[in-house]
Amino acid sequence: MALSKKNISKQTLTLTLALVREDGRLLLGRKKRGFGEGKWNGFGGKVESGESIEEAARRELMEEAGIAVDQMFAVGRLTFTFEGNDPELDVHVFEGRVITGEPSESEEMRPKWFDEDVIPFDEMWVDDELWLPLFLAGKRFAGSFHFVDHDTIAHHSLIVIEGCPVCGARDCPPGTHVEKAPKSRVAKIEALD
């Protein structure tokens, strides 16, 4: 059998992940259903058509934890791919500070504060232990992770970046990136059959 190359369309989903910090604590949520069920994670999800990435992060934080933040900063960008035909995940990571409201349980997440030196990495996605320490150290970062299954990383890359993960500028105040998400993004990947 001869090998040939062909293009396969693979969907890319634009997602947000908001991590809230306050007084040396990090707010995480236990996922109650769906992708990542049972894991502690930040708050986020899909960017809807017509909304900016930051607007999506703020909306997801309100929907999943019942809180708003006065300050939100783009701090990282992570790409996740999985063996098989799962879509590529393009995740924009935000840090939220100065909360309004009290975190409350939703249908999807059960929020809980953790001291920053006692993060439950053994109950989180395996990649979190690699990039979350950069976040906690106040670094901006970019990375990619390729998973064999939902618990095993085949390979990854992770770097600290000097500027904004969206535009490269050294200091992006909240609301800088108000571009709207595309209606759909499709990436081409090469595969052998």
N, C-alpha and C. Protein backbone atom coordinates (compact mmCIF):
# COMPACT_ATOMS: atom_id res chain seq x y z
N MET A 1 0.84 -1.17 0.00
CA MET A 1 0.00 0.00 0.00
C MET A 1 0.89 1.24 0.00
N ALA A 2 0.65 2.15 -0.92
CA ALA A 2 1.44 3.37 -1.02
C ALA A 2 0.88 4.43 -0.08
N LEU A 3 1.78 5.24 0.46
CA LEU A 3 1.36 6.35 1.31
C LEU A 3 1.13 7.58 0.44
N SER A 4 0.11 8.30 0.71
CA SER A 4 -0.13 9.55 0.00
C SER A 4 -0.55 10.61 1.00
N LYS A 5 -0.24 11.86 0.65
CA LYS A 5 -0.63 12.97 1.52
C LYS A 5 -1.96 13.53 1.05
N LYS A 6 -2.77 13.92 1.98
CA LYS A 6 -4.00 14.62 1.61
C LYS A 6 -4.31 15.66 2.67
N ASN A 7 -5.02 16.68 2.28
CA ASN A 7 -5.43 17.72 3.23
C ASN A 7 -6.70 17.29 3.92
N ILE A 8 -6.73 17.48 5.21
CA ILE A 8 -7.92 17.20 6.00
C ILE A 8 -8.30 18.49 6.71
N SER A 9 -9.56 18.87 6.59
CA SER A 9 -10.01 20.06 7.31
C SER A 9 -10.23 19.68 8.77
N LYS A 10 -9.70 20.49 9.65
CA LYS A 10 -9.88 20.28 11.07
C LYS A 10 -10.35 21.60 11.66
N GLN A 11 -11.45 21.59 12.34
CA GLN A 11 -12.02 22.81 12.91
C GLN A 11 -11.15 23.30 14.06
N THR A 12 -11.02 24.62 14.17
CA THR A 12 -10.36 25.25 15.29
C THR A 12 -11.41 26.03 16.08
N LEU A 13 -11.49 25.75 17.37
CA LEU A 13 -12.42 26.47 18.24
C LEU A 13 -11.65 27.53 19.01
N THR A 14 -12.16 28.75 19.03
CA THR A 14 -11.57 29.82 19.83
C THR A 14 -12.27 29.81 21.18
N LEU A 15 -11.47 29.67 22.24
CA LEU A 15 -11.99 29.55 23.60
C LEU A 15 -11.32 30.56 24.52
N THR A 16 -11.95 30.76 25.68
CA THR A 16 -11.36 31.60 26.71
C THR A 16 -11.17 30.78 27.98
N LEU A 17 -10.24 31.23 28.81
CA LEU A 17 -10.02 30.64 30.12
C LEU A 17 -9.68 31.80 31.06
N ALA A 18 -10.55 32.07 32.02
CA ALA A 18 -10.33 33.17 32.97
C ALA A 18 -9.95 32.59 34.33
N LEU A 19 -8.85 33.07 34.86
CA LEU A 19 -8.38 32.68 36.19
C LEU A 19 -8.42 33.92 37.07
N VAL A 20 -9.10 33.82 38.20
CA VAL A 20 -9.30 34.96 39.08
C VAL A 20 -8.40 34.82 40.29
N ARG A 21 -7.67 35.91 40.59
CA ARG A 21 -6.77 35.93 41.75
C ARG A 21 -7.21 37.02 42.71
N GLU A 22 -7.06 36.70 44.00
CA GLU A 22 -7.39 37.68 45.04
C GLU A 22 -6.68 37.29 46.33
N ASP A 23 -5.90 38.19 46.88
CA ASP A 23 -5.25 38.00 48.19
C ASP A 23 -4.50 36.67 48.31
N GLY A 24 -3.68 36.34 47.31
CA GLY A 24 -2.89 35.11 47.37
C GLY A 24 -3.68 33.85 47.14
N ARG A 25 -4.91 34.01 46.63
CA ARG A 25 -5.76 32.85 46.35
C ARG A 25 -6.13 32.83 44.87
N LEU A 26 -6.44 31.63 44.38
CA LEU A 26 -6.86 31.41 43.00
C LEU A 26 -8.23 30.76 43.02
N LEU A 27 -9.16 31.32 42.24
CA LEU A 27 -10.50 30.75 42.15
C LEU A 27 -10.53 29.74 41.01
N LEU A 28 -10.87 28.51 41.34
CA LEU A 28 -11.04 27.44 40.35
C LEU A 28 -12.46 26.90 40.46
N GLY A 29 -12.89 26.20 39.44
CA GLY A 29 -14.20 25.58 39.46
C GLY A 29 -14.10 24.10 39.15
N ARG A 30 -14.84 23.28 39.88
CA ARG A 30 -14.93 21.84 39.60
C ARG A 30 -15.97 21.67 38.50
N LYS A 31 -15.53 21.14 37.36
CA LYS A 31 -16.41 20.94 36.20
C LYS A 31 -17.41 19.85 36.53
N LYS A 32 -18.69 20.16 36.37
CA LYS A 32 -19.75 19.23 36.77
C LYS A 32 -20.30 18.40 35.61
N ARG A 33 -20.00 18.80 34.38
CA ARG A 33 -20.53 18.07 33.23
C ARG A 33 -19.68 18.38 32.00
N GLY A 34 -19.82 17.53 30.99
CA GLY A 34 -19.17 17.79 29.70
C GLY A 34 -17.67 17.60 29.70
N PHE A 35 -17.00 18.24 28.76
CA PHE A 35 -15.56 18.14 28.54
C PHE A 35 -14.82 18.54 29.82
N GLY A 36 -14.02 17.65 30.36
CA GLY A 36 -13.26 17.93 31.59
C GLY A 36 -14.04 17.69 32.87
N GLU A 37 -15.15 16.98 32.79
CA GLU A 37 -15.97 16.73 33.97
C GLU A 37 -15.13 16.15 35.11
N GLY A 38 -15.32 16.70 36.32
CA GLY A 38 -14.61 16.24 37.51
C GLY A 38 -13.28 16.93 37.76
N LYS A 39 -12.79 17.71 36.82
CA LYS A 39 -11.51 18.40 36.98
C LYS A 39 -11.72 19.82 37.50
N TRP A 40 -10.72 20.30 38.27
CA TRP A 40 -10.68 21.71 38.66
C TRP A 40 -10.08 22.47 37.49
N ASN A 41 -10.63 23.65 37.22
CA ASN A 41 -10.19 24.42 36.07
C ASN A 41 -10.55 25.89 36.30
N GLY A 42 -10.04 26.75 35.41
CA GLY A 42 -10.51 28.12 35.37
C GLY A 42 -11.88 28.14 34.71
N PHE A 43 -12.38 29.32 34.44
CA PHE A 43 -13.73 29.48 33.90
C PHE A 43 -13.63 29.96 32.46
N GLY A 44 -14.38 29.34 31.57
CA GLY A 44 -14.31 29.77 30.18
C GLY A 44 -15.11 28.88 29.27
N GLY A 45 -14.96 29.16 27.99
CA GLY A 45 -15.67 28.40 26.99
C GLY A 45 -15.55 29.05 25.63
N LYS A 46 -16.46 28.72 24.75
CA LYS A 46 -16.41 29.17 23.36
C LYS A 46 -16.70 30.66 23.23
N VAL A 47 -15.99 31.27 22.28
CA VAL A 47 -16.27 32.65 21.90
C VAL A 47 -17.40 32.59 20.88
N GLU A 48 -18.46 33.33 21.16
CA GLU A 48 -19.61 33.33 20.27
C GLU A 48 -19.41 34.32 19.13
N SER A 49 -20.04 34.03 18.01
CA SER A 49 -19.95 34.91 16.84
C SER A 49 -20.38 36.32 17.23
N GLY A 50 -19.56 37.30 16.84
CA GLY A 50 -19.90 38.70 17.09
C GLY A 50 -19.43 39.23 18.43
N GLU A 51 -18.84 38.40 19.29
CA GLU A 51 -18.37 38.91 20.58
C GLU A 51 -16.84 38.89 20.58
N SER A 52 -16.24 39.85 21.28
CA SER A 52 -14.78 39.87 21.39
C SER A 52 -14.35 38.75 22.32
N ILE A 53 -13.06 38.44 22.26
CA ILE A 53 -12.52 37.38 23.11
C ILE A 53 -12.65 37.77 24.58
N GLU A 54 -12.35 39.02 24.91
CA GLU A 54 -12.49 39.47 26.30
C GLU A 54 -13.96 39.46 26.74
N GLU A 55 -14.86 39.87 25.87
CA GLU A 55 -16.30 39.82 26.21
C GLU A 55 -16.72 38.38 26.53
N ALA A 56 -16.20 37.44 25.75
CA ALA A 56 -16.53 36.02 25.99
C ALA A 56 -16.01 35.57 27.34
N ALA A 57 -14.78 35.98 27.69
CA ALA A 57 -14.20 35.59 28.98
C ALA A 57 -15.04 36.14 30.13
N ARG A 58 -15.46 37.39 30.01
CA ARG A 58 -16.29 38.00 31.05
C ARG A 58 -17.66 37.31 31.15
N ARG A 59 -18.25 37.00 30.00
CA ARG A 59 -19.56 36.33 30.00
C ARG A 59 -19.47 34.95 30.65
N GLU A 60 -18.44 34.17 30.27
CA GLU A 60 -18.29 32.83 30.82
C GLU A 60 -18.06 32.88 32.34
N LEU A 61 -17.31 33.85 32.80
CA LEU A 61 -17.06 34.00 34.24
C LEU A 61 -18.37 34.27 34.98
N MET A 62 -19.22 35.09 34.41
CA MET A 62 -20.51 35.38 35.03
C MET A 62 -21.42 34.14 34.98
N GLU A 63 -21.47 33.46 33.83
CA GLU A 63 -22.34 32.29 33.69
C GLU A 63 -21.91 31.14 34.59
N GLU A 64 -20.59 30.92 34.71
CA GLU A 64 -20.11 29.74 35.42
C GLU A 64 -19.84 29.96 36.90
N ALA A 65 -19.54 31.21 37.31
CA ALA A 65 -19.21 31.47 38.71
C ALA A 65 -20.04 32.58 39.34
N GLY A 66 -20.86 33.26 38.54
CA GLY A 66 -21.72 34.30 39.09
C GLY A 66 -21.00 35.56 39.52
N ILE A 67 -19.82 35.82 38.94
CA ILE A 67 -19.04 37.01 39.32
C ILE A 67 -18.61 37.80 38.09
N ALA A 68 -18.29 39.05 38.33
CA ALA A 68 -17.69 39.92 37.32
C ALA A 68 -16.34 40.37 37.86
N VAL A 69 -15.45 40.79 36.99
CA VAL A 69 -14.15 41.33 37.42
C VAL A 69 -13.99 42.73 36.85
N ASP A 70 -13.39 43.61 37.65
CA ASP A 70 -13.13 44.97 37.20
C ASP A 70 -11.91 45.03 36.28
N GLN A 71 -10.95 44.16 36.53
CA GLN A 71 -9.71 44.14 35.74
C GLN A 71 -9.54 42.77 35.09
N MET A 72 -9.25 42.78 33.79
CA MET A 72 -8.99 41.53 33.08
C MET A 72 -7.85 41.76 32.10
N PHE A 73 -6.84 40.90 32.18
CA PHE A 73 -5.65 41.04 31.35
C PHE A 73 -5.39 39.77 30.57
N ALA A 74 -5.04 39.91 29.28
CA ALA A 74 -4.63 38.76 28.47
C ALA A 74 -3.23 38.36 28.93
N VAL A 75 -3.07 37.12 29.36
CA VAL A 75 -1.77 36.68 29.90
C VAL A 75 -1.18 35.48 29.16
N GLY A 76 -1.99 34.75 28.39
CA GLY A 76 -1.45 33.58 27.72
C GLY A 76 -2.31 33.13 26.56
N ARG A 77 -1.68 32.32 25.74
CA ARG A 77 -2.40 31.70 24.62
C ARG A 77 -1.88 30.28 24.48
N LEU A 78 -2.80 29.33 24.54
CA LEU A 78 -2.46 27.91 24.50
C LEU A 78 -3.26 27.23 23.40
N THR A 79 -2.59 26.33 22.69
CA THR A 79 -3.23 25.55 21.65
C THR A 79 -3.21 24.09 22.06
N PHE A 80 -4.35 23.44 21.94
CA PHE A 80 -4.47 22.03 22.30
C PHE A 80 -4.96 21.24 21.09
N THR A 81 -4.27 20.14 20.81
CA THR A 81 -4.70 19.21 19.78
C THR A 81 -4.77 17.83 20.41
N PHE A 82 -5.61 16.99 19.82
CA PHE A 82 -5.84 15.64 20.35
C PHE A 82 -5.75 14.64 19.21
N GLU A 83 -5.28 13.43 19.54
CA GLU A 83 -5.29 12.35 18.55
C GLU A 83 -6.72 12.14 18.09
N GLY A 84 -6.87 11.79 16.84
CA GLY A 84 -8.21 11.56 16.31
C GLY A 84 -8.72 12.80 15.63
N ASN A 85 -10.01 12.98 15.65
CA ASN A 85 -10.62 14.06 14.89
C ASN A 85 -11.21 15.16 15.76
N ASP A 86 -10.74 15.29 17.00
CA ASP A 86 -11.20 16.38 17.85
C ASP A 86 -10.76 17.71 17.25
N PRO A 87 -11.50 18.79 17.46
CA PRO A 87 -11.07 20.09 16.94
C PRO A 87 -9.85 20.60 17.70
N GLU A 88 -9.08 21.45 17.04
CA GLU A 88 -7.98 22.15 17.70
C GLU A 88 -8.60 23.23 18.60
N LEU A 89 -8.05 23.39 19.79
CA LEU A 89 -8.55 24.39 20.73
C LEU A 89 -7.54 25.53 20.83
N ASP A 90 -7.96 26.73 20.50
CA ASP A 90 -7.13 27.94 20.59
C ASP A 90 -7.63 28.70 21.81
N VAL A 91 -6.91 28.60 22.93
CA VAL A 91 -7.39 29.10 24.22
C VAL A 91 -6.67 30.39 24.60
N HIS A 92 -7.44 31.44 24.82
CA HIS A 92 -6.92 32.73 25.27
C HIS A 92 -7.09 32.78 26.79
N VAL A 93 -5.97 32.91 27.50
CA VAL A 93 -5.97 32.87 28.97
C VAL A 93 -5.95 34.30 29.51
N PHE A 94 -6.86 34.56 30.46
CA PHE A 94 -6.98 35.88 31.07
C PHE A 94 -6.81 35.77 32.58
N GLU A 95 -6.28 36.84 33.15
CA GLU A 95 -6.23 36.98 34.60
C GLU A 95 -7.26 38.03 34.99
N GLY A 96 -8.15 37.68 35.92
CA GLY A 96 -9.15 38.60 36.42
C GLY A 96 -8.82 39.00 37.85
N ARG A 97 -9.05 40.27 38.15
CA ARG A 97 -8.83 40.78 39.51
C ARG A 97 -9.95 41.73 39.87
N VAL A 98 -10.11 41.95 41.16
CA VAL A 98 -11.12 42.85 41.73
C VAL A 98 -12.51 42.38 41.32
N ILE A 99 -13.00 41.39 42.07
CA ILE A 99 -14.28 40.78 41.71
C ILE A 99 -15.47 41.53 42.29
N THR A 100 -16.57 41.43 41.57
CA THR A 100 -17.86 41.93 42.02
C THR A 100 -18.78 40.72 42.15
N GLY A 101 -19.39 40.58 43.31
CA GLY A 101 -20.24 39.43 43.55
C GLY A 101 -19.51 38.36 44.35
N GLU A 102 -20.24 37.37 44.74
CA GLU A 102 -19.69 36.24 45.50
C GLU A 102 -19.75 35.01 44.59
N PRO A 103 -18.62 34.29 44.44
CA PRO A 103 -18.66 33.09 43.59
C PRO A 103 -19.78 32.14 44.03
N SER A 104 -20.54 31.66 43.04
CA SER A 104 -21.64 30.76 43.35
C SER A 104 -21.69 29.62 42.33
N GLU A 105 -22.19 28.49 42.79
CA GLU A 105 -22.27 27.30 41.95
C GLU A 105 -23.28 27.50 40.82
N SER A 106 -22.90 26.99 39.65
CA SER A 106 -23.79 27.01 38.49
C SER A 106 -24.07 25.58 38.05
N GLU A 107 -24.84 25.43 36.99
CA GLU A 107 -25.11 24.09 36.48
C GLU A 107 -23.83 23.41 35.98
N GLU A 108 -22.83 24.21 35.62
CA GLU A 108 -21.62 23.66 35.01
C GLU A 108 -20.42 23.60 35.95
N MET A 109 -20.30 24.52 36.91
CA MET A 109 -19.10 24.62 37.74
C MET A 109 -19.44 24.84 39.21
N ARG A 110 -18.55 24.29 40.07
CA ARG A 110 -18.63 24.55 41.51
C ARG A 110 -17.35 25.28 41.91
N PRO A 111 -17.43 26.62 42.11
CA PRO A 111 -16.23 27.40 42.41
C PRO A 111 -15.71 27.19 43.83
N LYS A 112 -14.38 27.32 43.95
CA LYS A 112 -13.73 27.22 45.26
C LYS A 112 -12.41 27.98 45.20
N TRP A 113 -12.12 28.71 46.28
CA TRP A 113 -10.84 29.41 46.38
C TRP A 113 -9.76 28.44 46.87
N PHE A 114 -8.56 28.55 46.28
CA PHE A 114 -7.40 27.77 46.71
C PHE A 114 -6.25 28.72 46.99
N ASP A 115 -5.53 28.47 48.10
CA ASP A 115 -4.29 29.21 48.31
C ASP A 115 -3.37 28.90 47.14
N GLU A 116 -2.64 29.91 46.66
CA GLU A 116 -1.81 29.71 45.47
C GLU A 116 -0.69 28.70 45.67
N ASP A 117 -0.35 28.39 46.92
CA ASP A 117 0.69 27.37 47.15
C ASP A 117 0.10 25.99 47.40
N VAL A 118 -1.23 25.84 47.25
CA VAL A 118 -1.90 24.55 47.44
C VAL A 118 -2.89 24.32 46.28
N ILE A 119 -2.37 24.30 45.08
CA ILE A 119 -3.21 24.09 43.89
C ILE A 119 -3.41 22.58 43.70
N PRO A 120 -4.63 22.10 43.43
CA PRO A 120 -4.91 20.66 43.31
C PRO A 120 -4.53 20.09 41.93
N PHE A 121 -3.24 20.16 41.59
CA PHE A 121 -2.80 19.73 40.26
C PHE A 121 -3.19 18.29 39.95
N ASP A 122 -3.25 17.42 40.96
CA ASP A 122 -3.60 16.02 40.71
C ASP A 122 -5.06 15.84 40.30
N GLU A 123 -5.87 16.91 40.40
CA GLU A 123 -7.28 16.85 40.00
C GLU A 123 -7.57 17.84 38.86
N MET A 124 -6.51 18.17 38.09
CA MET A 124 -6.63 19.14 37.00
C MET A 124 -6.13 18.49 35.71
N TRP A 125 -6.27 19.20 34.59
CA TRP A 125 -5.68 18.74 33.34
C TRP A 125 -4.17 18.64 33.53
N VAL A 126 -3.54 17.63 32.93
CA VAL A 126 -2.11 17.40 33.15
C VAL A 126 -1.25 18.56 32.66
N ASP A 127 -1.70 19.31 31.66
CA ASP A 127 -0.92 20.45 31.16
C ASP A 127 -0.88 21.60 32.16
N ASP A 128 -1.87 21.69 33.04
CA ASP A 128 -1.93 22.82 33.99
C ASP A 128 -0.69 22.91 34.85
N GLU A 129 -0.13 21.78 35.22
CA GLU A 129 1.06 21.78 36.06
C GLU A 129 2.28 22.37 35.34
N LEU A 130 2.22 22.43 34.01
CA LEU A 130 3.33 22.99 33.23
C LEU A 130 3.21 24.50 33.05
N TRP A 131 2.02 25.01 32.74
CA TRP A 131 1.90 26.44 32.47
C TRP A 131 1.35 27.27 33.63
N LEU A 132 0.57 26.68 34.53
CA LEU A 132 -0.02 27.46 35.62
C LEU A 132 1.03 28.08 36.54
N PRO A 133 2.17 27.43 36.82
CA PRO A 133 3.19 28.12 37.61
C PRO A 133 3.70 29.41 36.96
N LEU A 134 3.73 29.46 35.63
CA LEU A 134 4.12 30.71 34.95
C LEU A 134 3.08 31.79 35.22
N PHE A 135 1.82 31.42 35.13
CA PHE A 135 0.73 32.35 35.43
C PHE A 135 0.86 32.88 36.87
N LEU A 136 1.06 31.97 37.81
CA LEU A 136 1.16 32.36 39.22
C LEU A 136 2.38 33.23 39.50
N ALA A 137 3.42 33.10 38.68
CA ALA A 137 4.63 33.91 38.81
C ALA A 137 4.49 35.26 38.09
N GLY A 138 3.33 35.52 37.51
CA GLY A 138 3.10 36.80 36.84
C GLY A 138 3.69 36.87 35.44
N LYS A 139 4.01 35.74 34.83
CA LYS A 139 4.59 35.70 33.49
C LYS A 139 3.49 35.62 32.44
N ARG A 140 3.79 36.10 31.25
CA ARG A 140 2.94 35.89 30.08
C ARG A 140 3.55 34.72 29.32
N PHE A 141 2.71 33.93 28.64
CA PHE A 141 3.21 32.69 28.07
C PHE A 141 2.42 32.30 26.84
N ALA A 142 3.02 31.41 26.05
CA ALA A 142 2.36 30.81 24.89
C ALA A 142 2.83 29.37 24.82
N GLY A 143 1.92 28.50 24.41
CA GLY A 143 2.30 27.09 24.34
C GLY A 143 1.36 26.28 23.49
N SER A 144 1.82 25.08 23.19
CA SER A 144 0.97 24.12 22.47
C SER A 144 1.15 22.75 23.10
N PHE A 145 0.07 22.02 23.15
CA PHE A 145 0.04 20.70 23.78
C PHE A 145 -0.69 19.74 22.85
N HIS A 146 -0.07 18.59 22.59
CA HIS A 146 -0.72 17.57 21.78
C HIS A 146 -0.98 16.36 22.69
N PHE A 147 -2.26 16.01 22.83
CA PHE A 147 -2.67 14.92 23.71
C PHE A 147 -2.91 13.64 22.92
N VAL A 148 -2.45 12.50 23.48
CA VAL A 148 -2.76 11.19 22.94
C VAL A 148 -4.19 10.83 23.33
N ASP A 149 -4.53 11.10 24.59
CA ASP A 149 -5.89 10.98 25.11
C ASP A 149 -6.05 12.13 26.10
N HIS A 150 -7.12 12.20 26.81
CA HIS A 150 -7.37 13.36 27.67
C HIS A 150 -6.48 13.41 28.91
N ASP A 151 -5.67 12.38 29.14
CA ASP A 151 -4.78 12.35 30.31
C ASP A 151 -3.31 12.22 29.97
N THR A 152 -2.95 12.16 28.68
CA THR A 152 -1.56 11.92 28.29
C THR A 152 -1.11 12.92 27.23
N ILE A 153 -0.05 13.67 27.55
CA ILE A 153 0.52 14.62 26.60
C ILE A 153 1.59 13.89 25.79
N ALA A 154 1.47 13.91 24.45
CA ALA A 154 2.47 13.30 23.58
C ALA A 154 3.68 14.22 23.45
N HIS A 155 3.43 15.50 23.23
CA HIS A 155 4.51 16.49 23.15
C HIS A 155 3.93 17.88 23.39
N HIS A 156 4.81 18.79 23.78
CA HIS A 156 4.36 20.16 24.03
C HIS A 156 5.51 21.14 23.84
N SER A 157 5.17 22.40 23.73
CA SER A 157 6.14 23.49 23.77
C SER A 157 5.52 24.59 24.61
N LEU A 158 6.35 25.33 25.32
CA LEU A 158 5.87 26.36 26.22
C LEU A 158 6.96 27.41 26.36
N ILE A 159 6.61 28.68 26.13
CA ILE A 159 7.59 29.75 26.25
C ILE A 159 7.01 30.91 27.04
N VAL A 160 7.89 31.65 27.69
CA VAL A 160 7.52 32.91 28.33
C VAL A 160 7.66 33.97 27.26
N ILE A 161 6.67 34.85 27.17
CA ILE A 161 6.72 35.92 26.18
C ILE A 161 6.77 37.27 26.88
N GLU A 162 7.37 38.22 26.21
CA GLU A 162 7.53 39.56 26.80
C GLU A 162 6.27 40.41 26.67
N GLY A 163 5.57 40.28 25.56
CA GLY A 163 4.43 41.15 25.31
C GLY A 163 3.10 40.45 25.45
N CYS A 164 2.08 41.15 25.02
CA CYS A 164 0.71 40.63 25.05
C CYS A 164 0.60 39.40 24.16
N PRO A 165 -0.05 38.34 24.62
CA PRO A 165 -0.19 37.14 23.79
C PRO A 165 -1.11 37.34 22.58
N VAL A 166 -1.85 38.45 22.54
CA VAL A 166 -2.72 38.72 21.40
C VAL A 166 -2.01 39.57 20.36
N CYS A 167 -1.38 40.68 20.80
CA CYS A 167 -0.81 41.62 19.83
C CYS A 167 0.69 41.83 19.96
N GLY A 168 1.30 41.38 21.05
CA GLY A 168 2.74 41.54 21.22
C GLY A 168 3.15 42.81 21.96
N ALA A 169 2.22 43.72 22.20
CA ALA A 169 2.56 44.96 22.91
C ALA A 169 2.95 44.65 24.36
N ARG A 170 3.78 45.49 24.94
CA ARG A 170 4.26 45.26 26.30
C ARG A 170 3.17 45.41 27.35
N ASP A 171 2.22 46.33 27.13
CA ASP A 171 1.19 46.55 28.14
C ASP A 171 -0.15 46.80 27.45
N CYS A 172 -1.05 45.87 27.59
CA CYS A 172 -2.39 46.01 27.00
C CYS A 172 -3.39 46.18 28.13
N PRO A 173 -3.97 47.37 28.26
CA PRO A 173 -4.99 47.54 29.30
C PRO A 173 -6.26 46.78 28.94
N PRO A 174 -7.12 46.55 29.93
CA PRO A 174 -8.38 45.85 29.66
C PRO A 174 -9.15 46.53 28.54
N GLY A 175 -9.79 45.75 27.70
CA GLY A 175 -10.58 46.28 26.61
C GLY A 175 -9.80 46.59 25.35
N THR A 176 -8.49 46.36 25.35
CA THR A 176 -7.68 46.67 24.17
C THR A 176 -8.10 45.84 22.97
N HIS A 177 -8.37 44.57 23.19
CA HIS A 177 -8.66 43.65 22.09
C HIS A 177 -10.16 43.43 21.97
N VAL A 178 -10.78 44.31 21.22
CA VAL A 178 -12.22 44.23 21.07
C VAL A 178 -12.63 43.69 19.71
N GLU A 179 -11.65 43.13 18.97
CA GLU A 179 -12.02 42.56 17.68
C GLU A 179 -13.01 41.42 17.91
N LYS A 180 -13.87 41.24 16.99
CA LYS A 180 -14.90 40.20 17.12
C LYS A 180 -14.36 38.87 16.62
N ALA A 181 -14.85 37.81 17.19
CA ALA A 181 -14.43 36.48 16.78
C ALA A 181 -14.99 36.17 15.40
N PRO A 182 -14.23 35.42 14.60
CA PRO A 182 -14.74 35.05 13.29
C PRO A 182 -15.93 34.10 13.42
N LYS A 183 -16.78 34.08 12.41
CA LYS A 183 -17.94 33.18 12.44
C LYS A 183 -17.50 31.73 12.44
N SER A 184 -16.43 31.41 11.74
CA SER A 184 -15.86 30.07 11.80
C SER A 184 -14.43 30.12 11.34
N ARG A 185 -13.62 29.26 11.91
CA ARG A 185 -12.22 29.16 11.51
C ARG A 185 -11.93 27.70 11.23
N VAL A 186 -11.34 27.45 10.08
CA VAL A 186 -10.98 26.09 9.72
C VAL A 186 -9.50 26.08 9.37
N ALA A 187 -8.76 25.18 9.99
CA ALA A 187 -7.34 25.05 9.71
C ALA A 187 -7.11 23.79 8.89
N LYS A 188 -6.13 23.83 8.03
CA LYS A 188 -5.76 22.65 7.24
C LYS A 188 -4.59 21.96 7.94
N ILE A 189 -4.66 20.67 8.01
CA ILE A 189 -3.53 19.91 8.53
C ILE A 189 -3.17 18.86 7.51
N GLU A 190 -1.93 18.43 7.56
CA GLU A 190 -1.46 17.41 6.64
C GLU A 190 -1.56 16.06 7.35
N ALA A 191 -1.95 15.05 6.63
CA ALA A 191 -2.04 13.71 7.20
C ALA A 191 -1.61 12.69 6.16
N LEU A 192 -1.10 11.58 6.63
CA LEU A 192 -0.75 10.46 5.76
C LEU A 192 -1.84 9.41 5.88
N ASP A 193 -2.19 8.79 4.76
CA ASP A 193 -3.11 7.66 4.87
C ASP A 193 -2.54 6.46 4.15
